[in-house]
Amino acid sequence: MTSLAEQSVHDLGGPMSVLTRQKQDHVKLDRLLSELAASAPAHQDRVLRRIYRLVFPHAFAEEAVLWPVLRRVLPDGPELTLQVEREHQEVNELVTALESMSLDDPDRPATLSRLVDVLREDVRDEEDELLPRLQHAVSPAQLTRLGLAWEAVRRVAPTRAHPLVARRPPGNSLSAVPLSVIDRLRDRLDGAIQQDSGRGRPALATASRLLTTLSHEVEEFPPFKRGEHPATHR
């Protein structure tokens, strides 16, 4: 099998194919990780937020749209997708840990380094193994249909780490709407906090913290954990 990294847009099924869309996101992620490596600690959080807004909707759409298909069409689909789901779960846990750390926390460099490593491992597993297997198992027309479905889900998916919700349907699908609304409100508030250095900043920060607390409470809702594989259960 040929890695997605070595294939052209034509080879991948055209610009609307889910394989092309996946590869484009992976290229963006590689650029952001390079930018993160070149950033001073005080500026890393800004880059990290851009990484999160790319990575979490991308992964959610994979788990909701692509991995169920792989489990149906490949004999070893369940094992292949479980490995990537473990990586996604670790990313969620590492990001949650990072968000609770200060810039001078002695554990931050190692946690950040591990996050970068897992993200790169995830890309390689997908581009070298899972997605080429999908490419050989379904038709180009199906790849296009999957691309449209994946893109539609990605546009409304959560943008933050949620380690407590299921990595599989129905839990992840049920949690999508409330968590996406909360996450996108938090994104707006955090963007406003970066731009506001005046009196409004404390109020914006308080509102963001309240939404963070609310998101943690929403994650605990039992139906949102349905379908979880024991290997990715936190």
C-alpha atoms as a PDB file:
ATOM      1  CA  MET A   1       0.000   0.000   0.000  1.00  0.00           C
ATOM      2  CA  THR A   2       1.147   3.518  -0.794  1.00  0.00           C
ATOM      3  CA  SER A   3       1.063   6.161   1.941  1.00  0.00           C
ATOM      4  CA  LEU A   4      -1.227   9.130   1.372  1.00  0.00           C
ATOM      5  CA  ALA A   5       1.859  11.320   1.728  1.00  0.00           C
ATOM      6  CA  GLU A   6       3.201   9.897  -1.540  1.00  0.00           C
ATOM      7  CA  GLN A   7      -0.020  10.219  -3.564  1.00  0.00           C
ATOM      8  CA  SER A   8      -1.353  13.085  -5.653  1.00  0.00           C
ATOM      9  CA  VAL A   9      -4.830  14.580  -5.401  1.00  0.00           C
ATOM     10  CA  HIS A  10      -5.789  12.553  -8.474  1.00  0.00           C
ATOM     11  CA  ASP A  11      -4.491   9.339  -6.859  1.00  0.00           C
ATOM     12  CA  LEU A  12      -6.505  10.080  -3.727  1.00  0.00           C
ATOM     13  CA  GLY A  13      -9.769  10.353  -5.632  1.00  0.00           C
ATOM     14  CA  GLY A  14      -9.934  14.053  -6.406  1.00  0.00           C
ATOM     15  CA  PRO A  15     -10.339  17.219  -4.321  1.00  0.00           C
ATOM     16  CA  MET A  16     -13.622  16.102  -2.749  1.00  0.00           C
ATOM     17  CA  SER A  17     -12.314  12.717  -1.598  1.00  0.00           C
ATOM     18  CA  VAL A  18     -12.068  12.185   2.143  1.00  0.00           C
ATOM     19  CA  LEU A  19      -8.452  11.116   1.605  1.00  0.00           C
ATOM     20  CA  THR A  20      -7.549  14.475   0.048  1.00  0.00           C
ATOM     21  CA  ARG A  21      -9.314  16.348   2.840  1.00  0.00           C
ATOM     22  CA  GLN A  22      -7.500  14.306   5.470  1.00  0.00           C
ATOM     23  CA  LYS A  23      -4.117  14.889   3.856  1.00  0.00           C
ATOM     24  CA  GLN A  24      -4.747  18.645   3.655  1.00  0.00           C
ATOM     25  CA  ASP A  25      -5.457  18.791   7.384  1.00  0.00           C
ATOM     26  CA  HIS A  26      -2.332  16.753   8.112  1.00  0.00           C
ATOM     27  CA  VAL A  27      -0.228  19.226   6.124  1.00  0.00           C
ATOM     28  CA  LYS A  28      -1.725  22.114   8.126  1.00  0.00           C
ATOM     29  CA  LEU A  29      -0.998  20.259  11.356  1.00  0.00           C
ATOM     30  CA  ASP A  30       2.635  19.719  10.368  1.00  0.00           C
ATOM     31  CA  ARG A  31       3.040  23.463   9.748  1.00  0.00           C
ATOM     32  CA  LEU A  32       1.472  24.310  13.099  1.00  0.00           C
ATOM     33  CA  LEU A  33       3.676  21.830  14.951  1.00  0.00           C
ATOM     34  CA  SER A  34       6.731  23.410  13.319  1.00  0.00           C
ATOM     35  CA  GLU A  35       5.467  26.842  14.375  1.00  0.00           C
ATOM     36  CA  LEU A  36       4.943  25.525  17.908  1.00  0.00           C
ATOM     37  CA  ALA A  37       8.516  24.217  18.062  1.00  0.00           C
ATOM     38  CA  ALA A  38       9.810  27.652  17.039  1.00  0.00           C
ATOM     39  CA  SER A  39       7.646  29.564  19.549  1.00  0.00           C
ATOM     40  CA  ALA A  40       8.788  30.862  22.902  1.00  0.00           C
ATOM     41  CA  PRO A  41       6.908  29.382  25.886  1.00  0.00           C
ATOM     42  CA  ALA A  42       4.946  32.600  26.390  1.00  0.00           C
ATOM     43  CA  HIS A  43       3.507  32.328  22.863  1.00  0.00           C
ATOM     44  CA  GLN A  44       2.926  28.569  22.725  1.00  0.00           C
ATOM     45  CA  ASP A  45      -0.651  28.693  23.981  1.00  0.00           C
ATOM     46  CA  ARG A  46      -1.768  30.759  20.997  1.00  0.00           C
ATOM     47  CA  VAL A  47      -0.366  28.175  18.600  1.00  0.00           C
ATOM     48  CA  LEU A  48      -1.792  25.351  20.667  1.00  0.00           C
ATOM     49  CA  ARG A  49      -5.298  26.811  20.435  1.00  0.00           C
ATOM     50  CA  ARG A  50      -4.995  26.819  16.640  1.00  0.00           C
ATOM     51  CA  ILE A  51      -3.830  23.205  16.771  1.00  0.00           C
ATOM     52  CA  TYR A  52      -6.812  22.254  18.939  1.00  0.00           C
ATOM     53  CA  ARG A  53      -9.289  23.933  16.585  1.00  0.00           C
ATOM     54  CA  LEU A  54      -7.832  21.849  13.757  1.00  0.00           C
ATOM     55  CA  VAL A  55      -7.239  18.535  15.527  1.00  0.00           C
ATOM     56  CA  PHE A  56     -10.369  17.982  17.599  1.00  0.00           C
ATOM     57  CA  PRO A  57     -13.013  18.547  14.885  1.00  0.00           C
ATOM     58  CA  HIS A  58     -10.852  16.469  12.513  1.00  0.00           C
ATOM     59  CA  ALA A  59     -10.648  13.558  14.954  1.00  0.00           C
ATOM     60  CA  PHE A  60     -14.317  13.791  15.931  1.00  0.00           C
ATOM     61  CA  ALA A  61     -15.362  13.522  12.286  1.00  0.00           C
ATOM     62  CA  GLU A  62     -13.084  10.507  11.847  1.00  0.00           C
ATOM     63  CA  GLU A  63     -14.618   8.757  14.820  1.00  0.00           C
ATOM     64  CA  ALA A  64     -18.168   9.577  13.769  1.00  0.00           C
ATOM     65  CA  VAL A  65     -17.898   9.006  10.001  1.00  0.00           C
ATOM     66  CA  LEU A  66     -14.797   7.054   8.947  1.00  0.00           C
ATOM     67  CA  TRP A  67     -13.939   4.544  11.634  1.00  0.00           C
ATOM     68  CA  PRO A  68     -17.416   2.914  11.668  1.00  0.00           C
ATOM     69  CA  VAL A  69     -16.982   2.314   7.929  1.00  0.00           C
ATOM     70  CA  LEU A  70     -13.529   0.802   8.417  1.00  0.00           C
ATOM     71  CA  ARG A  71     -14.898  -1.520  11.088  1.00  0.00           C
ATOM     72  CA  ARG A  72     -17.519  -2.716   8.600  1.00  0.00           C
ATOM     73  CA  VAL A  73     -15.396  -3.173   5.466  1.00  0.00           C
ATOM     74  CA  LEU A  74     -12.124  -4.560   6.881  1.00  0.00           C
ATOM     75  CA  PRO A  75     -11.733  -7.840   8.778  1.00  0.00           C
ATOM     76  CA  ASP A  76      -9.200  -6.206  11.108  1.00  0.00           C
ATOM     77  CA  GLY A  77     -10.989  -2.855  11.102  1.00  0.00           C
ATOM     78  CA  PRO A  78     -11.872  -2.987  14.800  1.00  0.00           C
ATOM     79  CA  GLU A  79      -8.221  -3.480  15.802  1.00  0.00           C
ATOM     80  CA  LEU A  80      -6.942  -0.788  13.429  1.00  0.00           C
ATOM     81  CA  THR A  81      -9.428   1.838  14.561  1.00  0.00           C
ATOM     82  CA  LEU A  82      -8.922   0.998  18.217  1.00  0.00           C
ATOM     83  CA  GLN A  83      -5.230   1.883  17.940  1.00  0.00           C
ATOM     84  CA  VAL A  84      -6.070   5.326  16.557  1.00  0.00           C
ATOM     85  CA  GLU A  85      -8.837   5.820  19.122  1.00  0.00           C
ATOM     86  CA  ARG A  86      -6.255   5.176  21.836  1.00  0.00           C
ATOM     87  CA  GLU A  87      -4.077   7.885  20.307  1.00  0.00           C
ATOM     88  CA  HIS A  88      -7.035  10.279  20.168  1.00  0.00           C
ATOM     89  CA  GLN A  89      -7.824   9.539  23.801  1.00  0.00           C
ATOM     90  CA  GLU A  90      -4.237  10.215  24.838  1.00  0.00           C
ATOM     91  CA  VAL A  91      -4.300  13.523  22.957  1.00  0.00           C
ATOM     92  CA  ASN A  92      -7.455  14.500  24.853  1.00  0.00           C
ATOM     93  CA  GLU A  93      -5.848  13.615  28.178  1.00  0.00           C
ATOM     94  CA  LEU A  94      -2.579  15.395  27.400  1.00  0.00           C
ATOM     95  CA  VAL A  95      -4.373  18.569  26.314  1.00  0.00           C
ATOM     96  CA  THR A  96      -6.546  18.499  29.434  1.00  0.00           C
ATOM     97  CA  ALA A  97      -3.383  18.196  31.531  1.00  0.00           C
ATOM     98  CA  LEU A  98      -1.666  21.041  29.655  1.00  0.00           C
ATOM     99  CA  GLU A  99      -4.628  23.352  30.163  1.00  0.00           C
ATOM    100  CA  SER A 100      -4.270  22.947  33.928  1.00  0.00           C
ATOM    101  CA  MET A 101      -0.533  23.753  33.926  1.00  0.00           C
ATOM    102  CA  SER A 102       1.163  27.110  34.258  1.00  0.00           C
ATOM    103  CA  LEU A 103       3.934  28.103  31.860  1.00  0.00           C
ATOM    104  CA  ASP A 104       6.575  27.394  34.523  1.00  0.00           C
ATOM    105  CA  ASP A 105       5.170  24.011  35.562  1.00  0.00           C
ATOM    106  CA  PRO A 106       8.113  21.565  35.531  1.00  0.00           C
ATOM    107  CA  ASP A 107       5.941  18.878  33.892  1.00  0.00           C
ATOM    108  CA  ARG A 108       4.853  21.091  30.991  1.00  0.00           C
ATOM    109  CA  PRO A 109       7.802  20.511  28.591  1.00  0.00           C
ATOM    110  CA  ALA A 110       7.523  16.718  28.814  1.00  0.00           C
ATOM    111  CA  THR A 111       3.729  16.808  28.456  1.00  0.00           C
ATOM    112  CA  LEU A 112       3.964  19.111  25.440  1.00  0.00           C
ATOM    113  CA  SER A 113       6.652  16.945  23.855  1.00  0.00           C
ATOM    114  CA  ARG A 114       4.523  13.838  24.302  1.00  0.00           C
ATOM    115  CA  LEU A 115       1.528  15.603  22.754  1.00  0.00           C
ATOM    116  CA  VAL A 116       3.556  16.457  19.656  1.00  0.00           C
ATOM    117  CA  ASP A 117       4.836  12.879  19.424  1.00  0.00           C
ATOM    118  CA  VAL A 118       1.343  11.374  19.660  1.00  0.00           C
ATOM    119  CA  LEU A 119      -0.043  13.771  17.058  1.00  0.00           C
ATOM    120  CA  ARG A 120       2.715  12.815  14.631  1.00  0.00           C
ATOM    121  CA  GLU A 121       2.218   9.100  15.370  1.00  0.00           C
ATOM    122  CA  ASP A 122      -1.490   9.487  14.701  1.00  0.00           C
ATOM    123  CA  VAL A 123      -0.852  11.085  11.309  1.00  0.00           C
ATOM    124  CA  ARG A 124       1.548   8.316  10.302  1.00  0.00           C
ATOM    125  CA  ASP A 125      -0.823   5.553  11.412  1.00  0.00           C
ATOM    126  CA  GLU A 126      -3.643   7.113   9.414  1.00  0.00           C
ATOM    127  CA  GLU A 127      -1.686   7.997   6.262  1.00  0.00           C
ATOM    128  CA  ASP A 128       0.421   4.821   6.133  1.00  0.00           C
ATOM    129  CA  GLU A 129      -2.117   2.230   7.310  1.00  0.00           C
ATOM    130  CA  LEU A 130      -5.771   3.070   7.933  1.00  0.00           C
ATOM    131  CA  LEU A 131      -6.569   5.394   5.061  1.00  0.00           C
ATOM    132  CA  PRO A 132      -4.729   3.404   2.353  1.00  0.00           C
ATOM    133  CA  ARG A 133      -6.694   0.365   3.550  1.00  0.00           C
ATOM    134  CA  LEU A 134      -9.908   2.366   3.221  1.00  0.00           C
ATOM    135  CA  GLN A 135      -8.795   3.475  -0.259  1.00  0.00           C
ATOM    136  CA  HIS A 136      -8.552  -0.141  -1.390  1.00  0.00           C
ATOM    137  CA  ALA A 137     -11.802  -1.232   0.260  1.00  0.00           C
ATOM    138  CA  VAL A 138     -14.259   1.317  -1.167  1.00  0.00           C
ATOM    139  CA  SER A 139     -14.896   2.979  -4.525  1.00  0.00           C
ATOM    140  CA  PRO A 140     -13.810   6.516  -5.531  1.00  0.00           C
ATOM    141  CA  ALA A 141     -17.472   7.538  -5.451  1.00  0.00           C
ATOM    142  CA  GLN A 142     -17.736   6.308  -1.876  1.00  0.00           C
ATOM    143  CA  LEU A 143     -14.588   8.235  -0.948  1.00  0.00           C
ATOM    144  CA  THR A 144     -16.256  11.383  -2.270  1.00  0.00           C
ATOM    145  CA  ARG A 145     -19.443  10.705  -0.314  1.00  0.00           C
ATOM    146  CA  LEU A 146     -17.384  10.071   2.807  1.00  0.00           C
ATOM    147  CA  GLY A 147     -15.511  13.312   2.164  1.00  0.00           C
ATOM    148  CA  LEU A 148     -18.740  15.287   2.063  1.00  0.00           C
ATOM    149  CA  ALA A 149     -20.049  13.614   5.233  1.00  0.00           C
ATOM    150  CA  TRP A 150     -16.722  14.037   7.039  1.00  0.00           C
ATOM    151  CA  GLU A 151     -16.545  17.732   6.121  1.00  0.00           C
ATOM    152  CA  ALA A 152     -20.142  18.344   7.240  1.00  0.00           C
ATOM    153  CA  VAL A 153     -19.492  16.752  10.634  1.00  0.00           C
ATOM    154  CA  ARG A 154     -16.133  18.495  11.081  1.00  0.00           C
ATOM    155  CA  ARG A 155     -17.723  21.919  10.605  1.00  0.00           C
ATOM    156  CA  VAL A 156     -20.052  21.434  13.596  1.00  0.00           C
ATOM    157  CA  ALA A 157     -17.837  19.252  15.815  1.00  0.00           C
ATOM    158  CA  PRO A 158     -16.400  20.148  19.249  1.00  0.00           C
ATOM    159  CA  THR A 159     -13.136  22.086  19.170  1.00  0.00           C
ATOM    160  CA  ARG A 160     -11.767  21.173  22.604  1.00  0.00           C
ATOM    161  CA  ALA A 161     -10.493  18.165  24.523  1.00  0.00           C
ATOM    162  CA  HIS A 162     -13.215  15.975  26.030  1.00  0.00           C
ATOM    163  CA  PRO A 163     -11.549  12.895  27.508  1.00  0.00           C
ATOM    164  CA  LEU A 164     -14.662  11.601  29.276  1.00  0.00           C
ATOM    165  CA  VAL A 165     -17.013  11.211  26.306  1.00  0.00           C
ATOM    166  CA  ALA A 166     -17.065   8.111  24.107  1.00  0.00           C
ATOM    167  CA  ARG A 167     -14.755   7.848  21.121  1.00  0.00           C
ATOM    168  CA  ARG A 168     -17.508   5.908  19.316  1.00  0.00           C
ATOM    169  CA  PRO A 169     -21.206   6.284  18.477  1.00  0.00           C
ATOM    170  CA  PRO A 170     -23.695   6.743  19.912  1.00  0.00           C
ATOM    171  CA  GLY A 171     -22.000   8.609  22.773  1.00  0.00           C
ATOM    172  CA  ASN A 172     -19.813  10.861  20.654  1.00  0.00           C
ATOM    173  CA  SER A 173     -22.718  11.718  18.335  1.00  0.00           C
ATOM    174  CA  LEU A 174     -25.044  12.525  21.240  1.00  0.00           C
ATOM    175  CA  SER A 175     -22.457  14.794  22.880  1.00  0.00           C
ATOM    176  CA  ALA A 176     -21.600  16.705  19.706  1.00  0.00           C
ATOM    177  CA  VAL A 177     -24.204  19.463  19.799  1.00  0.00           C
ATOM    178  CA  PRO A 178     -23.912  20.646  23.425  1.00  0.00           C
ATOM    179  CA  LEU A 179     -20.127  20.361  23.528  1.00  0.00           C
ATOM    180  CA  SER A 180     -19.682  22.063  20.171  1.00  0.00           C
ATOM    181  CA  VAL A 181     -21.821  25.015  21.262  1.00  0.00           C
ATOM    182  CA  ILE A 182     -19.870  25.378  24.506  1.00  0.00           C
ATOM    183  CA  ASP A 183     -16.485  24.966  22.819  1.00  0.00           C
ATOM    184  CA  ARG A 184     -17.180  27.544  20.147  1.00  0.00           C
ATOM    185  CA  LEU A 185     -18.384  30.051  22.734  1.00  0.00           C
ATOM    186  CA  ARG A 186     -15.160  29.449  24.644  1.00  0.00           C
ATOM    187  CA  ASP A 187     -13.163  29.972  21.445  1.00  0.00           C
ATOM    188  CA  ARG A 188     -14.846  33.343  20.927  1.00  0.00           C
ATOM    189  CA  LEU A 189     -14.263  34.386  24.521  1.00  0.00           C
ATOM    190  CA  ASP A 190     -10.620  33.333  24.465  1.00  0.00           C
ATOM    191  CA  GLY A 191     -10.117  35.260  21.242  1.00  0.00           C
ATOM    192  CA  ALA A 192     -11.683  38.337  22.840  1.00  0.00           C
ATOM    193  CA  ILE A 193      -9.464  37.922  25.914  1.00  0.00           C
ATOM    194  CA  GLN A 194      -6.347  38.000  23.722  1.00  0.00           C
ATOM    195  CA  GLN A 195      -7.462  41.276  22.148  1.00  0.00           C
ATOM    196  CA  ASP A 196      -8.747  42.988  25.315  1.00  0.00           C
ATOM    197  CA  SER A 197      -6.129  44.304  27.702  1.00  0.00           C
ATOM    198  CA  GLY A 198      -8.542  46.577  29.561  1.00  0.00           C
ATOM    199  CA  ARG A 199     -11.286  46.319  32.152  1.00  0.00           C
ATOM    200  CA  GLY A 200     -13.310  43.791  30.215  1.00  0.00           C
ATOM    201  CA  ARG A 201     -10.642  41.110  30.396  1.00  0.00           C
ATOM    202  CA  PRO A 202     -11.488  39.775  33.924  1.00  0.00           C
ATOM    203  CA  ALA A 203     -15.177  39.402  33.045  1.00  0.00           C
ATOM    204  CA  LEU A 204     -14.326  37.547  29.831  1.00  0.00           C
ATOM    205  CA  ALA A 205     -11.950  35.260  31.717  1.00  0.00           C
ATOM    206  CA  THR A 206     -14.627  34.508  34.306  1.00  0.00           C
ATOM    207  CA  ALA A 207     -17.146  33.651  31.585  1.00  0.00           C
ATOM    208  CA  SER A 208     -14.611  31.339  29.936  1.00  0.00           C
ATOM    209  CA  ARG A 209     -13.960  29.533  33.214  1.00  0.00           C
ATOM    210  CA  LEU A 210     -17.694  29.071  33.763  1.00  0.00           C
ATOM    211  CA  LEU A 211     -18.058  27.522  30.333  1.00  0.00           C
ATOM    212  CA  THR A 212     -15.096  25.247  31.073  1.00  0.00           C
ATOM    213  CA  THR A 213     -16.829  24.036  34.229  1.00  0.00           C
ATOM    214  CA  LEU A 214     -20.055  23.528  32.299  1.00  0.00           C
ATOM    215  CA  SER A 215     -18.294  21.469  29.629  1.00  0.00           C
ATOM    216  CA  HIS A 216     -16.826  19.177  32.304  1.00  0.00           C
ATOM    217  CA  GLU A 217     -20.293  18.674  33.773  1.00  0.00           C
ATOM    218  CA  VAL A 218     -21.758  17.912  30.337  1.00  0.00           C
ATOM    219  CA  GLU A 219     -19.042  15.298  29.730  1.00  0.00           C
ATOM    220  CA  GLU A 220     -20.243  13.404  32.801  1.00  0.00           C
ATOM    221  CA  PHE A 221     -23.729  12.836  31.321  1.00  0.00           C
ATOM    222  CA  PRO A 222     -24.028   9.005  31.122  1.00  0.00           C
ATOM    223  CA  PRO A 223     -25.473   8.761  27.574  1.00  0.00           C
ATOM    224  CA  PHE A 224     -22.391  10.559  26.247  1.00  0.00           C
ATOM    225  CA  LYS A 225     -20.229   7.607  27.367  1.00  0.00           C
ATOM    226  CA  ARG A 226     -22.243   4.958  25.528  1.00  0.00           C
ATOM    227  CA  GLY A 227     -20.355   2.928  22.930  1.00  0.00           C
ATOM    228  CA  GLU A 228     -16.948   3.552  24.515  1.00  0.00           C
ATOM    229  CA  HIS A 229     -14.418   0.752  24.126  1.00  0.00           C
ATOM    230  CA  PRO A 230     -12.902  -0.272  27.489  1.00  0.00           C
ATOM    231  CA  ALA A 231      -9.388   0.396  26.137  1.00  0.00           C
ATOM    232  CA  THR A 232     -10.150   4.111  25.703  1.00  0.00           C
ATOM    233  CA  HIS A 233     -12.334   4.557  28.764  1.00  0.00           C
ATOM    234  CA  ARG A 234     -11.037   7.045  31.287  1.00  0.00           C
END
